[in-house]
Protein backbone atom coordinates (compact mmCIF):
# COMPACT_ATOMS: atom_id res chain seq x y z
CA MET A 1 106.24 108.20 159.03
CA ASN A 2 109.52 109.88 158.04
CA SER A 3 108.48 111.00 154.67
CA THR A 4 109.80 114.18 153.75
CA SER A 5 107.44 115.11 150.95
CA PRO A 6 104.99 118.02 151.75
CA GLN A 7 101.93 116.10 151.35
CA SER A 8 102.63 113.78 154.21
CA SER A 9 102.60 116.70 156.61
CA GLN A 10 99.04 117.83 155.70
CA PHE A 11 96.07 116.79 157.92
CA ASN A 12 93.89 113.52 156.22
CA TYR A 13 90.14 114.10 157.49
CA SER A 14 89.25 111.11 155.90
CA VAL A 15 91.61 108.93 157.59
CA HIS A 16 91.08 110.61 160.81
CA GLY A 17 87.62 110.33 160.84
CA LEU A 18 88.05 106.23 159.73
CA ARG A 19 89.92 105.67 162.68
CA GLY A 20 87.28 107.48 164.97
CA VAL A 21 84.69 105.13 163.68
CA ALA A 22 87.12 102.36 163.69
CA SER A 23 87.71 102.86 167.43
CA ILE A 24 84.18 103.23 168.01
CA MET A 25 83.42 99.87 166.66
CA VAL A 26 86.03 98.31 168.63
CA LEU A 27 84.52 99.83 172.01
CA VAL A 28 81.00 98.57 171.29
CA ALA A 29 82.66 94.99 170.51
CA HIS A 30 84.16 94.96 173.69
CA ILE A 31 81.27 96.31 175.33
CA LEU A 32 79.05 93.76 174.05
CA GLY A 33 81.53 90.90 174.33
CA GLY A 34 81.74 91.83 178.01
CA THR A 35 78.22 91.86 178.81
CA ALA A 36 77.92 88.22 176.76
CA GLU A 37 80.54 86.81 178.89
CA HIS A 38 79.91 88.20 182.45
CA ILE A 39 76.11 89.57 182.48
CA TYR A 40 74.39 87.17 179.99
CA ASN A 41 76.45 83.99 180.52
CA ASP A 42 73.48 81.98 181.39
CA ARG A 43 71.66 82.72 177.97
CA PRO A 44 73.87 80.41 175.43
CA GLY A 45 71.98 82.02 172.52
CA TYR A 46 73.05 85.57 173.28
CA VAL A 47 76.75 84.26 173.89
CA GLU A 48 77.17 82.09 170.83
CA GLY A 49 75.53 85.06 169.10
CA VAL A 50 77.80 88.05 170.06
CA LEU A 51 81.14 85.54 170.57
CA SER A 52 80.79 83.79 167.11
CA ARG A 53 83.58 84.17 164.70
């Protein structure tokens, strides 16, 4: 962002916090998806529940 307004250079705690929450949610989704595909692949109910879209 190449904005020259003074407000654009201020740290936005709300956005930073939301990015942190989003990154944790992505991490958990990857962990659940990985266990569904590689560890619990013999349990179709778990795999379908985790990998359903």
